[in-house]
Every structure is written in structure tokens, then in C-alpha cells.
Amino acid sequence: MGVKIVPRHGDSLKEKLYLLAIVGGLKVTFSHFMKNLKDTSNIETICYPEEQPKDITSRYRGVHRLTKREDDSVRCVACFMCATACPAECIFIEAVEREDGVDEKMPSKFSIDLLECVFCGGCVEACPCDAIRMDTGIFSFVKKNREDFVLDRDTLLSHKPMKGSN
């Protein structure tokens, strides 16, 4: 098997400094700047947070929510599949035996740390009983303390689905 020799480019000082590439990039940036400076009506902006984005699709993975059954009980059976599938290990569940005979167990504590979550949707895919979803449409959340980013069971149950989703 022979050795293939590939010729190298960029040996001159002019090519090593990337001056032509830098000037080309500045030319593109400056042309956009001048176009926007002449006609500001073409610049698309929104007054966030007063005006919310309108291009959020129903497939957007926002903040989590726990779903309920028709009898208003929590759908989660504390099987720990979501916590096992989570690559960030940000889901914490404590199970308790269920008294009403619907299932064997239910979560007494269920929390998600949003600062550790990577919003991959692995927990939604892993859940066998469709108890956790990421269809709230909440994409911006601001808190003052780190502890406020840990959503507990009651908070997750209180989230409503985004309009247009299930």
C-alpha cells in the first residue's frame, strides 16, 4: 500500500495571517450593518419579556410537568425509569406504597433540578405511563436562589400544557 502525499496550502505569510478571510468577513458584516442602518423597519425584534415569541412549536421541550389521571391522582408509578434515563441525573424520586389500590406505589417526593437538566427529553421517552411531559411552553424561568430551580411534585403537577398540545 502506497503513501499518498497531500500538498499543503497556506505556506506564504499572507495566507498564514488570514488577512483576506478577515477582510471578507468584515465586508459582509459592514454591508449588513449599512443595510440595517438605512432601513430599520426590516430588523425583526420583539420587546421581550413583554412580548413573547410566537414561533414556539408544539414539539418544543420546555419545563417539565407531571400528568394526572381522570380521578385527579398522579399518573407516576415511581418506577424510576425517568431518573435512570436522565443523563444529567437531575431527577430525584422517593416512592411510597399506594393505599387506593390503583397501583403499587406512587412518588411521595418527585423533584427536578432545572439547573442540572439538559432538556434532552430522555425522561419523557423513558416513562412507560406518560406521566412526565415537557410541553408546558415555559422556556424562560428566572429565580433568585438556586433552591428555587428545584421543582417539586406539587409544582410539576400545577404546570399546564401549552396551548395546541395534548
N, C-alpha and C. Protein backbone atom coordinates (compact mmCIF):
# COMPACT_ATOMS: atom_id res chain seq x y z
N MET A 1 0.85 -1.17 0.00
CA MET A 1 0.00 0.00 0.00
C MET A 1 0.90 1.23 0.00
N GLY A 2 0.64 2.12 -0.95
CA GLY A 2 1.48 3.30 -1.09
C GLY A 2 1.04 4.44 -0.17
N VAL A 3 1.92 5.36 0.03
CA VAL A 3 1.65 6.53 0.84
C VAL A 3 1.25 7.66 -0.09
N LYS A 4 0.12 8.28 0.19
CA LYS A 4 -0.34 9.39 -0.63
C LYS A 4 0.14 10.70 -0.02
N ILE A 5 0.79 11.48 -0.79
CA ILE A 5 1.30 12.77 -0.32
C ILE A 5 0.30 13.84 -0.73
N VAL A 6 -0.19 14.56 0.28
CA VAL A 6 -1.16 15.62 0.05
C VAL A 6 -0.44 16.96 0.14
N PRO A 7 -0.55 17.77 -0.91
CA PRO A 7 0.15 19.07 -0.86
C PRO A 7 -0.53 20.01 0.13
N ARG A 8 0.28 20.73 0.88
CA ARG A 8 -0.24 21.69 1.85
C ARG A 8 -0.34 23.06 1.20
N HIS A 9 -1.40 23.78 1.61
CA HIS A 9 -1.60 25.13 1.13
C HIS A 9 -1.44 26.08 2.30
N GLY A 10 -1.22 27.32 2.02
CA GLY A 10 -1.11 28.32 3.08
C GLY A 10 0.29 28.47 3.61
N ASP A 11 1.28 28.32 2.77
CA ASP A 11 2.66 28.43 3.23
C ASP A 11 3.16 29.88 3.25
N SER A 12 2.52 30.74 2.46
CA SER A 12 3.01 32.13 2.42
C SER A 12 2.55 32.88 3.66
N LEU A 13 3.23 33.97 3.97
CA LEU A 13 2.90 34.78 5.13
C LEU A 13 1.51 35.40 4.99
N LYS A 14 1.16 35.79 3.78
CA LYS A 14 -0.16 36.38 3.53
C LYS A 14 -1.28 35.39 3.85
N GLU A 15 -1.12 34.14 3.50
CA GLU A 15 -2.14 33.12 3.77
C GLU A 15 -2.14 32.71 5.23
N LYS A 16 -1.01 32.75 5.90
CA LYS A 16 -0.94 32.38 7.31
C LYS A 16 -1.62 33.41 8.21
N LEU A 17 -1.65 34.65 7.82
CA LEU A 17 -2.26 35.70 8.63
C LEU A 17 -3.77 35.79 8.44
N TYR A 18 -4.30 35.12 7.46
CA TYR A 18 -5.74 35.09 7.18
C TYR A 18 -6.31 36.49 6.91
N LEU A 19 -5.51 37.39 6.41
CA LEU A 19 -5.97 38.77 6.20
C LEU A 19 -7.11 38.83 5.19
N LEU A 20 -7.02 38.08 4.12
CA LEU A 20 -8.09 38.11 3.13
C LEU A 20 -9.40 37.58 3.71
N ALA A 21 -9.34 36.55 4.52
CA ALA A 21 -10.54 36.00 5.13
C ALA A 21 -11.14 36.98 6.13
N ILE A 22 -10.31 37.64 6.90
CA ILE A 22 -10.80 38.62 7.88
C ILE A 22 -11.45 39.80 7.18
N VAL A 23 -10.81 40.29 6.15
CA VAL A 23 -11.38 41.42 5.40
C VAL A 23 -12.68 41.01 4.73
N GLY A 24 -12.76 39.80 4.20
CA GLY A 24 -14.00 39.32 3.59
C GLY A 24 -15.14 39.24 4.61
N GLY A 25 -14.85 38.77 5.80
CA GLY A 25 -15.86 38.71 6.85
C GLY A 25 -16.31 40.09 7.29
N LEU A 26 -15.39 41.01 7.43
CA LEU A 26 -15.74 42.38 7.79
C LEU A 26 -16.58 43.05 6.71
N LYS A 27 -16.30 42.71 5.45
CA LYS A 27 -17.07 43.28 4.35
C LYS A 27 -18.54 42.84 4.43
N VAL A 28 -18.78 41.56 4.71
CA VAL A 28 -20.14 41.05 4.84
C VAL A 28 -20.85 41.71 6.03
N THR A 29 -20.16 41.78 7.16
CA THR A 29 -20.74 42.38 8.36
C THR A 29 -21.06 43.86 8.13
N PHE A 30 -20.15 44.58 7.53
CA PHE A 30 -20.35 46.00 7.29
C PHE A 30 -21.49 46.25 6.30
N SER A 31 -21.64 45.37 5.29
CA SER A 31 -22.74 45.56 4.33
C SER A 31 -24.08 45.35 5.02
N HIS A 32 -24.20 44.35 5.91
CA HIS A 32 -25.44 44.15 6.67
C HIS A 32 -25.71 45.33 7.60
N PHE A 33 -24.66 45.83 8.23
CA PHE A 33 -24.81 46.97 9.14
C PHE A 33 -25.33 48.19 8.39
N MET A 34 -24.79 48.47 7.23
CA MET A 34 -25.22 49.64 6.46
C MET A 34 -26.66 49.47 5.96
N LYS A 35 -27.01 48.26 5.53
CA LYS A 35 -28.38 47.99 5.06
C LYS A 35 -29.38 48.21 6.20
N ASN A 36 -29.07 47.71 7.38
CA ASN A 36 -29.96 47.88 8.52
C ASN A 36 -29.98 49.32 9.03
N LEU A 37 -28.90 50.04 8.87
CA LEU A 37 -28.84 51.43 9.30
C LEU A 37 -29.71 52.32 8.42
N LYS A 38 -29.77 52.00 7.12
CA LYS A 38 -30.59 52.78 6.19
C LYS A 38 -32.07 52.52 6.37
N ASP A 39 -32.46 51.25 6.63
CA ASP A 39 -33.87 50.89 6.74
C ASP A 39 -34.07 50.03 7.98
N THR A 40 -34.43 50.66 9.10
CA THR A 40 -34.58 49.93 10.36
C THR A 40 -35.89 49.15 10.44
N SER A 41 -36.81 49.36 9.52
CA SER A 41 -38.10 48.65 9.58
C SER A 41 -37.95 47.16 9.25
N ASN A 42 -36.87 46.76 8.61
CA ASN A 42 -36.66 45.36 8.26
C ASN A 42 -36.01 44.55 9.38
N ILE A 43 -35.61 45.20 10.45
CA ILE A 43 -34.98 44.49 11.56
C ILE A 43 -36.07 43.86 12.41
N GLU A 44 -36.01 42.54 12.55
CA GLU A 44 -37.03 41.82 13.32
C GLU A 44 -36.62 41.79 14.78
N THR A 45 -37.38 42.46 15.62
CA THR A 45 -37.14 42.46 17.06
C THR A 45 -38.47 42.33 17.79
N ILE A 46 -38.42 41.84 19.01
CA ILE A 46 -39.59 41.82 19.87
C ILE A 46 -39.20 42.46 21.20
N CYS A 47 -40.16 43.01 21.89
CA CYS A 47 -39.92 43.63 23.19
C CYS A 47 -40.08 42.56 24.27
N TYR A 48 -39.05 41.73 24.40
CA TYR A 48 -39.08 40.65 25.38
C TYR A 48 -38.76 41.22 26.75
N PRO A 49 -39.41 40.88 27.83
CA PRO A 49 -40.35 39.79 28.04
C PRO A 49 -41.81 40.21 27.89
N GLU A 50 -42.09 41.48 27.63
CA GLU A 50 -43.49 41.90 27.48
C GLU A 50 -44.15 41.19 26.31
N GLU A 51 -43.42 41.00 25.24
CA GLU A 51 -43.92 40.31 24.05
C GLU A 51 -43.20 38.96 23.96
N GLN A 52 -43.96 37.88 23.97
CA GLN A 52 -43.38 36.54 23.94
C GLN A 52 -43.19 36.08 22.49
N PRO A 53 -42.21 35.23 22.25
CA PRO A 53 -42.01 34.71 20.89
C PRO A 53 -43.23 33.92 20.43
N LYS A 54 -43.54 34.02 19.15
CA LYS A 54 -44.70 33.33 18.60
C LYS A 54 -44.32 32.11 17.78
N ASP A 55 -43.03 31.83 17.68
CA ASP A 55 -42.58 30.72 16.84
C ASP A 55 -42.21 29.47 17.65
N ILE A 56 -42.78 29.32 18.84
CA ILE A 56 -42.53 28.12 19.65
C ILE A 56 -43.47 27.02 19.17
N THR A 57 -42.90 25.93 18.71
CA THR A 57 -43.72 24.84 18.17
C THR A 57 -44.19 23.93 19.29
N SER A 58 -45.13 23.06 18.99
CA SER A 58 -45.64 22.13 19.99
C SER A 58 -44.61 21.07 20.35
N ARG A 59 -43.57 20.90 19.53
CA ARG A 59 -42.52 19.94 19.80
C ARG A 59 -41.42 20.51 20.69
N TYR A 60 -41.53 21.77 21.07
CA TYR A 60 -40.51 22.42 21.89
C TYR A 60 -40.45 21.76 23.27
N ARG A 61 -39.25 21.48 23.75
CA ARG A 61 -39.09 20.88 25.07
C ARG A 61 -38.87 21.98 26.09
N GLY A 62 -39.96 22.33 26.78
CA GLY A 62 -39.89 23.35 27.81
C GLY A 62 -39.75 22.72 29.17
N VAL A 63 -40.19 23.44 30.19
CA VAL A 63 -40.13 22.95 31.56
C VAL A 63 -41.06 21.75 31.71
N HIS A 64 -40.69 20.85 32.56
CA HIS A 64 -41.42 19.59 32.77
C HIS A 64 -42.75 19.83 33.46
N ARG A 65 -43.63 18.83 33.33
CA ARG A 65 -44.86 18.77 34.10
C ARG A 65 -45.20 17.32 34.34
N LEU A 66 -45.88 17.06 35.46
CA LEU A 66 -46.38 15.73 35.74
C LEU A 66 -47.86 15.70 35.38
N THR A 67 -48.31 14.60 34.80
CA THR A 67 -49.70 14.50 34.38
C THR A 67 -50.52 13.78 35.45
N LYS A 68 -51.83 13.98 35.37
CA LYS A 68 -52.76 13.36 36.31
C LYS A 68 -53.70 12.43 35.57
N ARG A 69 -54.26 11.50 36.31
CA ARG A 69 -55.29 10.61 35.77
C ARG A 69 -56.63 11.32 35.78
N GLU A 70 -57.66 10.63 35.27
CA GLU A 70 -59.01 11.20 35.26
C GLU A 70 -59.54 11.42 36.68
N ASP A 71 -59.10 10.59 37.62
CA ASP A 71 -59.55 10.75 39.01
C ASP A 71 -58.71 11.76 39.78
N ASP A 72 -57.89 12.52 39.09
CA ASP A 72 -57.06 13.61 39.63
C ASP A 72 -55.90 13.10 40.49
N SER A 73 -55.55 11.83 40.37
CA SER A 73 -54.38 11.31 41.08
C SER A 73 -53.17 11.39 40.15
N VAL A 74 -52.00 11.37 40.74
CA VAL A 74 -50.78 11.47 39.95
C VAL A 74 -50.60 10.20 39.12
N ARG A 75 -50.22 10.36 37.87
CA ARG A 75 -50.07 9.22 36.96
C ARG A 75 -48.77 8.45 37.20
N CYS A 76 -47.80 9.09 37.80
CA CYS A 76 -46.49 8.47 38.04
C CYS A 76 -46.62 7.28 38.98
N VAL A 77 -45.96 6.17 38.63
CA VAL A 77 -45.97 4.97 39.45
C VAL A 77 -44.62 4.76 40.15
N ALA A 78 -43.77 5.77 40.14
CA ALA A 78 -42.46 5.72 40.81
C ALA A 78 -41.64 4.52 40.38
N CYS A 79 -41.54 4.33 39.07
CA CYS A 79 -40.76 3.21 38.54
C CYS A 79 -39.29 3.57 38.35
N PHE A 80 -38.95 4.84 38.49
CA PHE A 80 -37.58 5.36 38.40
C PHE A 80 -36.99 5.25 37.00
N MET A 81 -37.82 5.01 35.98
CA MET A 81 -37.31 4.92 34.61
C MET A 81 -36.80 6.28 34.13
N CYS A 82 -37.50 7.36 34.47
CA CYS A 82 -37.07 8.69 34.04
C CYS A 82 -35.75 9.07 34.70
N ALA A 83 -35.61 8.78 35.99
CA ALA A 83 -34.38 9.10 36.70
C ALA A 83 -33.21 8.26 36.17
N THR A 84 -33.49 7.02 35.78
CA THR A 84 -32.45 6.16 35.23
C THR A 84 -32.02 6.63 33.85
N ALA A 85 -32.96 7.09 33.04
CA ALA A 85 -32.64 7.52 31.67
C ALA A 85 -32.00 8.90 31.62
N CYS A 86 -32.11 9.68 32.68
CA CYS A 86 -31.62 11.07 32.68
C CYS A 86 -30.10 11.11 32.66
N PRO A 87 -29.49 11.68 31.61
CA PRO A 87 -28.03 11.73 31.56
C PRO A 87 -27.45 12.73 32.56
N ALA A 88 -28.23 13.72 32.97
CA ALA A 88 -27.75 14.72 33.91
C ALA A 88 -27.99 14.33 35.36
N GLU A 89 -28.73 13.25 35.58
CA GLU A 89 -29.06 12.77 36.91
C GLU A 89 -29.67 13.88 37.77
N CYS A 90 -30.67 14.56 37.21
CA CYS A 90 -31.28 15.69 37.91
C CYS A 90 -32.68 15.38 38.43
N ILE A 91 -33.15 14.15 38.29
CA ILE A 91 -34.48 13.75 38.75
C ILE A 91 -34.32 12.91 40.01
N PHE A 92 -35.04 13.31 41.06
CA PHE A 92 -34.96 12.62 42.34
C PHE A 92 -36.37 12.19 42.76
N ILE A 93 -36.53 10.90 43.05
CA ILE A 93 -37.84 10.34 43.38
C ILE A 93 -37.74 9.54 44.68
N GLU A 94 -38.74 9.72 45.55
CA GLU A 94 -38.91 8.86 46.72
C GLU A 94 -40.29 8.23 46.59
N ALA A 95 -40.34 6.90 46.64
CA ALA A 95 -41.59 6.18 46.44
C ALA A 95 -42.24 5.84 47.78
N VAL A 96 -43.57 5.74 47.73
CA VAL A 96 -44.35 5.33 48.88
C VAL A 96 -45.42 4.36 48.38
N GLU A 97 -45.81 3.42 49.23
CA GLU A 97 -46.83 2.45 48.83
C GLU A 97 -48.17 3.16 48.68
N ARG A 98 -48.89 2.77 47.64
CA ARG A 98 -50.16 3.41 47.35
C ARG A 98 -51.29 2.70 48.10
N GLU A 99 -52.17 3.50 48.71
CA GLU A 99 -53.22 2.95 49.56
C GLU A 99 -54.52 2.66 48.81
N ASP A 100 -54.74 3.33 47.66
CA ASP A 100 -56.04 3.22 46.98
C ASP A 100 -56.15 2.02 46.05
N GLY A 101 -55.10 1.24 45.88
CA GLY A 101 -55.17 0.04 45.07
C GLY A 101 -55.08 0.27 43.57
N VAL A 102 -54.86 1.50 43.13
CA VAL A 102 -54.74 1.78 41.69
C VAL A 102 -53.43 1.22 41.16
N ASP A 103 -52.34 1.51 41.84
CA ASP A 103 -51.01 0.99 41.51
C ASP A 103 -50.33 0.55 42.78
N GLU A 104 -49.15 -0.06 42.62
CA GLU A 104 -48.41 -0.50 43.80
C GLU A 104 -47.83 0.67 44.59
N LYS A 105 -47.26 1.65 43.86
CA LYS A 105 -46.62 2.76 44.54
C LYS A 105 -46.80 4.05 43.77
N MET A 106 -46.46 5.15 44.43
CA MET A 106 -46.53 6.48 43.85
C MET A 106 -45.41 7.31 44.46
N PRO A 107 -45.06 8.42 43.84
CA PRO A 107 -43.96 9.21 44.40
C PRO A 107 -44.44 10.07 45.58
N SER A 108 -43.75 9.95 46.70
CA SER A 108 -44.03 10.88 47.80
C SER A 108 -43.27 12.17 47.57
N LYS A 109 -42.08 12.05 46.96
CA LYS A 109 -41.29 13.22 46.56
C LYS A 109 -40.84 13.00 45.13
N PHE A 110 -40.96 14.02 44.33
CA PHE A 110 -40.52 13.98 42.93
C PHE A 110 -39.98 15.37 42.64
N SER A 111 -38.70 15.47 42.34
CA SER A 111 -38.13 16.80 42.07
C SER A 111 -37.19 16.74 40.88
N ILE A 112 -37.12 17.87 40.19
CA ILE A 112 -36.24 18.02 39.03
C ILE A 112 -35.44 19.30 39.24
N ASP A 113 -34.14 19.20 39.14
CA ASP A 113 -33.27 20.36 39.26
C ASP A 113 -33.06 20.94 37.86
N LEU A 114 -33.68 22.08 37.58
CA LEU A 114 -33.62 22.66 36.23
C LEU A 114 -32.23 23.20 35.89
N LEU A 115 -31.41 23.49 36.88
CA LEU A 115 -30.06 23.97 36.58
C LEU A 115 -29.14 22.84 36.12
N GLU A 116 -29.47 21.62 36.48
CA GLU A 116 -28.68 20.48 36.03
C GLU A 116 -29.27 19.84 34.77
N CYS A 117 -30.56 20.04 34.53
CA CYS A 117 -31.24 19.43 33.40
C CYS A 117 -30.69 19.96 32.07
N VAL A 118 -30.53 19.07 31.11
CA VAL A 118 -30.06 19.46 29.78
C VAL A 118 -31.21 19.49 28.77
N PHE A 119 -32.44 19.26 29.23
CA PHE A 119 -33.66 19.33 28.42
C PHE A 119 -33.56 18.43 27.18
N CYS A 120 -33.06 17.22 27.39
CA CYS A 120 -32.90 16.28 26.28
C CYS A 120 -34.19 15.54 25.96
N GLY A 121 -35.10 15.44 26.91
CA GLY A 121 -36.34 14.71 26.70
C GLY A 121 -36.22 13.22 26.95
N GLY A 122 -35.10 12.76 27.48
CA GLY A 122 -34.93 11.34 27.75
C GLY A 122 -35.90 10.82 28.79
N CYS A 123 -36.26 11.66 29.75
CA CYS A 123 -37.21 11.24 30.78
C CYS A 123 -38.60 11.02 30.19
N VAL A 124 -38.99 11.84 29.24
CA VAL A 124 -40.29 11.71 28.60
C VAL A 124 -40.34 10.42 27.78
N GLU A 125 -39.27 10.14 27.07
CA GLU A 125 -39.20 8.93 26.24
C GLU A 125 -39.19 7.68 27.10
N ALA A 126 -38.55 7.73 28.27
CA ALA A 126 -38.40 6.54 29.11
C ALA A 126 -39.65 6.22 29.92
N CYS A 127 -40.52 7.18 30.14
CA CYS A 127 -41.68 6.98 31.01
C CYS A 127 -42.68 6.03 30.37
N PRO A 128 -42.96 4.88 31.00
CA PRO A 128 -43.87 3.90 30.41
C PRO A 128 -45.35 4.28 30.55
N CYS A 129 -45.67 5.21 31.43
CA CYS A 129 -47.08 5.54 31.66
C CYS A 129 -47.41 6.99 31.33
N ASP A 130 -46.57 7.66 30.55
CA ASP A 130 -46.81 9.03 30.08
C ASP A 130 -47.09 9.98 31.24
N ALA A 131 -46.31 9.84 32.31
CA ALA A 131 -46.52 10.66 33.50
C ALA A 131 -45.77 11.98 33.45
N ILE A 132 -44.70 12.05 32.68
CA ILE A 132 -43.90 13.27 32.62
C ILE A 132 -43.87 13.76 31.18
N ARG A 133 -44.05 15.05 31.03
CA ARG A 133 -44.02 15.67 29.70
C ARG A 133 -43.24 16.98 29.79
N MET A 134 -42.84 17.47 28.63
CA MET A 134 -42.11 18.74 28.55
C MET A 134 -42.83 19.69 27.60
N ASP A 135 -44.15 19.76 27.71
CA ASP A 135 -44.95 20.54 26.78
C ASP A 135 -45.61 21.77 27.42
N THR A 136 -44.97 22.33 28.44
CA THR A 136 -45.56 23.48 29.12
C THR A 136 -45.42 24.77 28.33
N GLY A 137 -44.45 24.83 27.45
CA GLY A 137 -44.20 26.07 26.72
C GLY A 137 -43.42 27.08 27.54
N ILE A 138 -43.06 26.72 28.75
CA ILE A 138 -42.26 27.62 29.60
C ILE A 138 -40.81 27.47 29.17
N PHE A 139 -40.27 28.48 28.55
CA PHE A 139 -38.90 28.41 28.07
C PHE A 139 -37.99 29.37 28.80
N SER A 140 -38.55 30.28 29.56
CA SER A 140 -37.75 31.26 30.27
C SER A 140 -38.15 31.23 31.74
N PHE A 141 -37.22 30.94 32.60
CA PHE A 141 -37.52 30.93 34.02
C PHE A 141 -36.39 31.62 34.75
N VAL A 142 -36.78 32.56 35.61
CA VAL A 142 -35.82 33.36 36.35
C VAL A 142 -36.14 33.22 37.84
N LYS A 143 -35.16 32.93 38.61
CA LYS A 143 -35.31 32.79 40.05
C LYS A 143 -34.18 33.54 40.74
N LYS A 144 -34.33 33.77 42.03
CA LYS A 144 -33.31 34.48 42.79
C LYS A 144 -32.33 33.54 43.48
N ASN A 145 -32.79 32.34 43.85
CA ASN A 145 -31.94 31.39 44.57
C ASN A 145 -31.84 30.09 43.79
N ARG A 146 -30.75 29.38 44.01
CA ARG A 146 -30.56 28.08 43.37
C ARG A 146 -31.65 27.10 43.78
N GLU A 147 -32.08 27.15 45.01
CA GLU A 147 -33.09 26.22 45.52
C GLU A 147 -34.42 26.39 44.79
N ASP A 148 -34.69 27.59 44.28
CA ASP A 148 -35.95 27.83 43.58
C ASP A 148 -36.01 27.14 42.22
N PHE A 149 -34.86 26.70 41.69
CA PHE A 149 -34.83 26.00 40.42
C PHE A 149 -35.11 24.51 40.56
N VAL A 150 -35.21 24.02 41.77
CA VAL A 150 -35.56 22.63 42.01
C VAL A 150 -37.08 22.56 42.13
N LEU A 151 -37.73 22.00 41.12
CA LEU A 151 -39.19 21.93 41.09
C LEU A 151 -39.65 20.66 41.81
N ASP A 152 -40.56 20.82 42.75
CA ASP A 152 -41.07 19.68 43.49
C ASP A 152 -42.32 19.11 42.83
N ARG A 153 -42.86 18.07 43.42
CA ARG A 153 -44.00 17.34 42.85
C ARG A 153 -45.22 18.24 42.66
N ASP A 154 -45.54 19.04 43.65
CA ASP A 154 -46.72 19.90 43.55
C ASP A 154 -46.57 20.95 42.45
N THR A 155 -45.39 21.50 42.31
CA THR A 155 -45.14 22.48 41.24
C THR A 155 -45.25 21.82 39.88
N LEU A 156 -44.68 20.63 39.75
CA LEU A 156 -44.73 19.92 38.47
C LEU A 156 -46.16 19.52 38.12
N LEU A 157 -46.97 19.21 39.12
CA LEU A 157 -48.38 18.88 38.87
C LEU A 157 -49.20 20.12 38.51
N SER A 158 -48.77 21.29 38.95
CA SER A 158 -49.54 22.51 38.70
C SER A 158 -49.30 23.09 37.30
N HIS A 159 -48.22 22.68 36.63
CA HIS A 159 -47.95 23.18 35.28
C HIS A 159 -49.01 22.69 34.30
N LYS A 160 -49.45 23.56 33.45
CA LYS A 160 -50.44 23.22 32.42
C LYS A 160 -49.76 23.03 31.08
N PRO A 161 -50.35 22.23 30.20
CA PRO A 161 -49.74 22.07 28.86
C PRO A 161 -49.90 23.34 28.03
N MET A 162 -48.99 23.51 27.10
CA MET A 162 -49.05 24.65 26.19
C MET A 162 -50.26 24.50 25.29
N LYS A 163 -50.86 25.61 24.91
CA LYS A 163 -52.00 25.58 24.00
C LYS A 163 -51.57 24.93 22.70
N GLY A 164 -52.40 24.03 22.21
CA GLY A 164 -52.10 23.35 20.95
C GLY A 164 -51.47 21.99 21.15
N SER A 165 -51.09 21.65 22.41
CA SER A 165 -50.54 20.31 22.66
C SER A 165 -51.56 19.52 23.47
N ASN A 166 -51.28 18.25 23.73
CA ASN A 166 -52.22 17.38 24.45
C ASN A 166 -52.39 17.81 25.87
